[in-house]
Each structure stands twice: as C-alpha cells, then as structure tokens.
Amino acid sequence: MQRIANLLVIKNGKVLLLKKPRRGWYVAPGGKMEAGESVYEAAIREFKEETNAEPLDTHVKGIYTMMIEDEGEVVDEWMLFTFVAQDLNGTPFVETREGILEWHPIESLATLPMAEGDRTNLLFAVSKPGVQYGTFHYTMEFELLKEMIQTSTEEVNRQYGQ
C-alpha cells in the first residue's frame, strides 16, 4: 500500500498550498514515503523538497485511508498522513515541477478547488484540536462517494489512568 505524507503550514492566518497543474487543484505539499522512513521524516523531507523551506513546530493532524473505486470494486488504495506546522524557516519557491506555491487565507480552504476529502482533512487541520482519522471513497475521476470520519483529542494536564 502506498503511503503519502503531506504538511500544511499555517502562518499569520494563511496556509501555504501547492496548485497542481493537472487538475488545477490545491493540495498541501507532500508526497510518497521512502523505504525505512517514518511518516514524520517523510512529511518534513517532502515539504522541504517541494517548497525550499523548513517547517517549524510540526505535528500530526490526520491519518486517512483513500480508496478509488470503479463500478463498486476497489482499484487503488493508499494511506495519507497529514501534518501541520505553525511557521517555517526560509522563503518558499514560487513555482516547482510539482506546481505553483501560494499563500491563501485559511477561510479559502472552504472554496478553493481540491479533492473533497482534502477539504475535510485540511479544514480539520486548521480549525480543530486533536487528530482526525478517516476513510474516503472516490470514483476514478476523484468524485467523493463517501467519507467516514473519527476524531480523538488528548486532555491537557490529565494524569494517565485518572
């Protein structure tokens, strides 16, 4: 199963997104994990490769299963691990072979063109505490068929077992 890690930087009320040329959709910078790499390492490495900047205060916000179906049969499946960072060091590229990097107001995540599962994932990442888990089912054309979402939060300052 393919494993993908992406990372969304949130800074001054804006998010850094990558506009992919194929569909004109926006995504958080990221990509495939390499053999032996942790999901955290993959998220940082992919972000650096795609942006030329280093994310700061990085933590996981979502773990997802993505399913592509054709006439009711699963034809592709992968895992997506979404991270967020609260700042970055360096100046991001303007354009790379992956697409165009742009800062957008957080609110634009509700309306920018993107896969609907990504919208669910990124809106949670910028606005809710805890970690989100989910499964997204898509058609071959990336139309969302259904999503199943769960969340968990840690209670701050709670002693284990109390």
C-alpha atoms as a PDB file:
ATOM      1  CA  MET A   1       0.000   0.000   0.000  1.00  0.00           C
ATOM      2  CA  GLN A   2       1.344   3.421  -0.955  1.00  0.00           C
ATOM      3  CA  ARG A   3       1.999   5.822   1.944  1.00  0.00           C
ATOM      4  CA  ILE A   4       1.778   9.589   1.412  1.00  0.00           C
ATOM      5  CA  ALA A   5       2.718  12.353   3.884  1.00  0.00           C
ATOM      6  CA  ASN A   6       1.729  15.979   3.432  1.00  0.00           C
ATOM      7  CA  LEU A   7       2.288  19.081   5.534  1.00  0.00           C
ATOM      8  CA  LEU A   8       0.263  22.275   5.845  1.00  0.00           C
ATOM      9  CA  VAL A   9       1.973  25.405   7.197  1.00  0.00           C
ATOM     10  CA  ILE A  10      -0.329  27.860   8.977  1.00  0.00           C
ATOM     11  CA  LYS A  11       1.166  31.330   9.410  1.00  0.00           C
ATOM     12  CA  ASN A  12      -0.443  34.738  10.022  1.00  0.00           C
ATOM     13  CA  GLY A  13      -3.918  33.463   9.164  1.00  0.00           C
ATOM     14  CA  LYS A  14      -2.761  31.930   5.891  1.00  0.00           C
ATOM     15  CA  VAL A  15      -1.845  28.473   4.616  1.00  0.00           C
ATOM     16  CA  LEU A  16       0.807  27.516   2.070  1.00  0.00           C
ATOM     17  CA  LEU A  17      -0.740  25.418  -0.691  1.00  0.00           C
ATOM     18  CA  LEU A  18       0.538  23.837  -3.878  1.00  0.00           C
ATOM     19  CA  LYS A  19      -1.585  24.283  -7.007  1.00  0.00           C
ATOM     20  CA  LYS A  20      -1.165  21.133  -9.089  1.00  0.00           C
ATOM     21  CA  PRO A  21      -1.166  21.705 -12.866  1.00  0.00           C
ATOM     22  CA  ARG A  22      -3.077  18.558 -13.884  1.00  0.00           C
ATOM     23  CA  ARG A  23      -6.454  19.490 -12.383  1.00  0.00           C
ATOM     24  CA  GLY A  24      -5.741  22.967 -11.008  1.00  0.00           C
ATOM     25  CA  TRP A  25      -6.497  21.581  -7.547  1.00  0.00           C
ATOM     26  CA  TYR A  26      -4.820  22.786  -4.364  1.00  0.00           C
ATOM     27  CA  VAL A  27      -3.041  20.401  -2.003  1.00  0.00           C
ATOM     28  CA  ALA A  28      -0.742  20.586   0.991  1.00  0.00           C
ATOM     29  CA  PRO A  29       2.865  19.974  -0.123  1.00  0.00           C
ATOM     30  CA  GLY A  30       3.833  16.330   0.275  1.00  0.00           C
ATOM     31  CA  GLY A  31       4.497  13.048  -1.422  1.00  0.00           C
ATOM     32  CA  LYS A  32       5.432   9.400  -1.167  1.00  0.00           C
ATOM     33  CA  MET A  33       7.292   7.948   1.770  1.00  0.00           C
ATOM     34  CA  GLU A  34      10.606   6.243   1.098  1.00  0.00           C
ATOM     35  CA  ALA A  35      11.517   2.778   2.391  1.00  0.00           C
ATOM     36  CA  GLY A  36      12.524   2.856   6.060  1.00  0.00           C
ATOM     37  CA  GLU A  37      11.368   6.451   6.530  1.00  0.00           C
ATOM     38  CA  SER A  38       8.988   7.471   9.329  1.00  0.00           C
ATOM     39  CA  VAL A  39       5.851   9.389   8.391  1.00  0.00           C
ATOM     40  CA  TYR A  40       7.258  12.416  10.244  1.00  0.00           C
ATOM     41  CA  GLU A  41      10.545  12.254   8.317  1.00  0.00           C
ATOM     42  CA  ALA A  42       8.652  11.889   5.035  1.00  0.00           C
ATOM     43  CA  ALA A  43       6.438  14.911   5.749  1.00  0.00           C
ATOM     44  CA  ILE A  44       9.449  17.123   6.575  1.00  0.00           C
ATOM     45  CA  ARG A  45      11.535  15.859   3.625  1.00  0.00           C
ATOM     46  CA  GLU A  46       8.738  16.211   1.086  1.00  0.00           C
ATOM     47  CA  PHE A  47       7.839  19.682   2.355  1.00  0.00           C
ATOM     48  CA  LYS A  48      11.476  20.823   2.078  1.00  0.00           C
ATOM     49  CA  GLU A  49      11.828  19.329  -1.415  1.00  0.00           C
ATOM     50  CA  GLU A  50       8.626  20.942  -2.697  1.00  0.00           C
ATOM     51  CA  THR A  51       8.956  24.339  -1.005  1.00  0.00           C
ATOM     52  CA  ASN A  52      12.647  25.021  -0.300  1.00  0.00           C
ATOM     53  CA  ALA A  53      11.648  25.917   3.290  1.00  0.00           C
ATOM     54  CA  GLU A  54      11.765  24.147   6.654  1.00  0.00           C
ATOM     55  CA  PRO A  55       8.555  23.688   8.673  1.00  0.00           C
ATOM     56  CA  LEU A  56       8.617  24.530  12.393  1.00  0.00           C
ATOM     57  CA  ASP A  57       6.580  23.054  15.273  1.00  0.00           C
ATOM     58  CA  THR A  58       5.356  20.141  13.150  1.00  0.00           C
ATOM     59  CA  HIS A  59       2.811  17.625  14.414  1.00  0.00           C
ATOM     60  CA  VAL A  60       0.366  15.070  13.019  1.00  0.00           C
ATOM     61  CA  LYS A  61      -3.263  16.118  12.444  1.00  0.00           C
ATOM     62  CA  GLY A  62      -4.750  13.325  10.355  1.00  0.00           C
ATOM     63  CA  ILE A  63      -4.404   9.706   9.270  1.00  0.00           C
ATOM     64  CA  TYR A  64      -6.536   8.612   6.327  1.00  0.00           C
ATOM     65  CA  THR A  65      -7.254   5.695   4.032  1.00  0.00           C
ATOM     66  CA  MET A  66      -8.004   6.719   0.448  1.00  0.00           C
ATOM     67  CA  MET A  67      -9.896   4.271  -1.763  1.00  0.00           C
ATOM     68  CA  ILE A  68     -10.500   4.536  -5.508  1.00  0.00           C
ATOM     69  CA  GLU A  69     -13.442   2.521  -6.783  1.00  0.00           C
ATOM     70  CA  ASP A  70     -14.560   1.518 -10.245  1.00  0.00           C
ATOM     71  CA  GLU A  71     -18.059   0.067 -10.526  1.00  0.00           C
ATOM     72  CA  GLY A  72     -18.055  -0.863  -6.835  1.00  0.00           C
ATOM     73  CA  GLU A  73     -14.621  -2.541  -6.892  1.00  0.00           C
ATOM     74  CA  VAL A  74     -11.603  -1.061  -5.094  1.00  0.00           C
ATOM     75  CA  VAL A  75      -8.896  -0.489  -7.730  1.00  0.00           C
ATOM     76  CA  ASP A  76      -6.422   1.577  -5.680  1.00  0.00           C
ATOM     77  CA  GLU A  77      -5.827   2.323  -2.013  1.00  0.00           C
ATOM     78  CA  TRP A  78      -3.285   4.389  -0.101  1.00  0.00           C
ATOM     79  CA  MET A  79      -2.659   5.929   3.307  1.00  0.00           C
ATOM     80  CA  LEU A  80      -2.339   9.691   3.813  1.00  0.00           C
ATOM     81  CA  PHE A  81      -0.680  11.206   6.886  1.00  0.00           C
ATOM     82  CA  THR A  82      -1.349  14.935   7.283  1.00  0.00           C
ATOM     83  CA  PHE A  83       0.870  17.168   9.410  1.00  0.00           C
ATOM     84  CA  VAL A  84       0.672  20.861  10.285  1.00  0.00           C
ATOM     85  CA  ALA A  85       3.361  23.364  11.218  1.00  0.00           C
ATOM     86  CA  GLN A  86       2.898  26.789  12.763  1.00  0.00           C
ATOM     87  CA  ASP A  87       5.755  28.528  10.945  1.00  0.00           C
ATOM     88  CA  LEU A  88       8.641  27.975   8.573  1.00  0.00           C
ATOM     89  CA  ASN A  89      12.257  28.979   8.005  1.00  0.00           C
ATOM     90  CA  GLY A  90      13.235  30.171   4.570  1.00  0.00           C
ATOM     91  CA  THR A  91      11.440  31.588   1.579  1.00  0.00           C
ATOM     92  CA  PRO A  92       9.299  29.108  -0.349  1.00  0.00           C
ATOM     93  CA  PHE A  93       9.725  28.624  -4.076  1.00  0.00           C
ATOM     94  CA  VAL A  94       7.152  30.371  -6.256  1.00  0.00           C
ATOM     95  CA  GLU A  95       6.959  27.507  -8.754  1.00  0.00           C
ATOM     96  CA  THR A  96       8.376  23.973  -8.909  1.00  0.00           C
ATOM     97  CA  ARG A  97       7.974  20.958 -11.174  1.00  0.00           C
ATOM     98  CA  GLU A  98       5.118  19.956  -8.829  1.00  0.00           C
ATOM     99  CA  GLY A  99       3.156  23.182  -9.322  1.00  0.00           C
ATOM    100  CA  ILE A 100       2.748  26.739  -8.022  1.00  0.00           C
ATOM    101  CA  LEU A 101       3.098  27.566  -4.321  1.00  0.00           C
ATOM    102  CA  GLU A 102       0.685  30.177  -2.995  1.00  0.00           C
ATOM    103  CA  TRP A 103      -0.325  31.585   0.392  1.00  0.00           C
ATOM    104  CA  HIS A 104      -4.099  31.630   0.888  1.00  0.00           C
ATOM    105  CA  PRO A 105      -6.299  32.844   3.756  1.00  0.00           C
ATOM    106  CA  ILE A 106      -7.374  29.919   5.944  1.00  0.00           C
ATOM    107  CA  GLU A 107     -11.007  30.637   5.025  1.00  0.00           C
ATOM    108  CA  SER A 108     -10.289  29.892   1.353  1.00  0.00           C
ATOM    109  CA  LEU A 109      -9.884  26.185   2.173  1.00  0.00           C
ATOM    110  CA  ALA A 110     -13.690  26.040   2.104  1.00  0.00           C
ATOM    111  CA  THR A 111     -13.893  27.167  -1.540  1.00  0.00           C
ATOM    112  CA  LEU A 112     -10.621  26.522  -3.403  1.00  0.00           C
ATOM    113  CA  PRO A 113     -10.732  23.711  -5.979  1.00  0.00           C
ATOM    114  CA  MET A 114      -9.482  20.483  -4.360  1.00  0.00           C
ATOM    115  CA  ALA A 115     -10.472  16.906  -3.699  1.00  0.00           C
ATOM    116  CA  GLU A 116     -13.350  16.931  -1.204  1.00  0.00           C
ATOM    117  CA  GLY A 117     -11.514  14.563   1.136  1.00  0.00           C
ATOM    118  CA  ASP A 118      -8.602  17.006   1.174  1.00  0.00           C
ATOM    119  CA  ARG A 119     -11.038  19.791   2.042  1.00  0.00           C
ATOM    120  CA  THR A 120     -12.360  17.783   5.023  1.00  0.00           C
ATOM    121  CA  ASN A 121      -8.819  16.943   6.093  1.00  0.00           C
ATOM    122  CA  LEU A 122      -7.334  20.462   5.748  1.00  0.00           C
ATOM    123  CA  LEU A 123     -10.303  22.266   7.324  1.00  0.00           C
ATOM    124  CA  PHE A 124      -9.974  20.000  10.360  1.00  0.00           C
ATOM    125  CA  ALA A 125      -6.206  20.590  10.478  1.00  0.00           C
ATOM    126  CA  VAL A 126      -6.593  24.379  10.694  1.00  0.00           C
ATOM    127  CA  SER A 127      -9.597  24.608  12.989  1.00  0.00           C
ATOM    128  CA  LYS A 128      -9.957  21.688  15.411  1.00  0.00           C
ATOM    129  CA  PRO A 129      -7.929  20.184  18.251  1.00  0.00           C
ATOM    130  CA  GLY A 130      -6.797  16.576  18.200  1.00  0.00           C
ATOM    131  CA  VAL A 131      -6.223  14.130  15.395  1.00  0.00           C
ATOM    132  CA  GLN A 132      -8.685  13.141  12.689  1.00  0.00           C
ATOM    133  CA  TYR A 133      -8.937   9.667  11.181  1.00  0.00           C
ATOM    134  CA  GLY A 134     -10.945   8.756   8.160  1.00  0.00           C
ATOM    135  CA  THR A 135     -11.623   6.741   5.063  1.00  0.00           C
ATOM    136  CA  PHE A 136     -12.510   8.398   1.771  1.00  0.00           C
ATOM    137  CA  HIS A 137     -14.030   6.534  -1.176  1.00  0.00           C
ATOM    138  CA  TYR A 138     -13.634   8.134  -4.621  1.00  0.00           C
ATOM    139  CA  THR A 139     -14.532   7.322  -8.206  1.00  0.00           C
ATOM    140  CA  MET A 140     -11.777   7.016 -10.799  1.00  0.00           C
ATOM    141  CA  GLU A 141     -12.373  10.733 -11.568  1.00  0.00           C
ATOM    142  CA  PHE A 142     -11.882  11.652  -7.871  1.00  0.00           C
ATOM    143  CA  GLU A 143     -15.531  12.369  -7.156  1.00  0.00           C
ATOM    144  CA  LEU A 144     -16.159  11.683  -3.472  1.00  0.00           C
ATOM    145  CA  LEU A 145     -18.539   8.753  -2.969  1.00  0.00           C
ATOM    146  CA  LYS A 146     -18.460   8.677   0.834  1.00  0.00           C
ATOM    147  CA  GLU A 147     -16.340   9.555   3.827  1.00  0.00           C
ATOM    148  CA  MET A 148     -16.160   8.102   7.312  1.00  0.00           C
ATOM    149  CA  ILE A 149     -14.531  10.368   9.912  1.00  0.00           C
ATOM    150  CA  GLN A 150     -13.444   9.899  13.519  1.00  0.00           C
ATOM    151  CA  THR A 151     -11.505  12.253  15.811  1.00  0.00           C
ATOM    152  CA  SER A 152      -9.572  11.981  19.048  1.00  0.00           C
ATOM    153  CA  THR A 153      -8.238  14.597  21.416  1.00  0.00           C
ATOM    154  CA  GLU A 154      -5.869  14.466  24.343  1.00  0.00           C
ATOM    155  CA  GLU A 155      -6.898  16.080  27.562  1.00  0.00           C
ATOM    156  CA  VAL A 156      -4.285  18.598  28.634  1.00  0.00           C
ATOM    157  CA  ASN A 157      -2.694  18.027  32.074  1.00  0.00           C
ATOM    158  CA  ARG A 158      -4.567  14.773  32.669  1.00  0.00           C
ATOM    159  CA  GLN A 159      -2.641  12.116  34.553  1.00  0.00           C
ATOM    160  CA  TYR A 160      -2.579   8.647  32.984  1.00  0.00           C
ATOM    161  CA  GLY A 161      -5.332   6.482  34.422  1.00  0.00           C
ATOM    162  CA  GLN A 162      -7.147   9.249  36.293  1.00  0.00           C
END
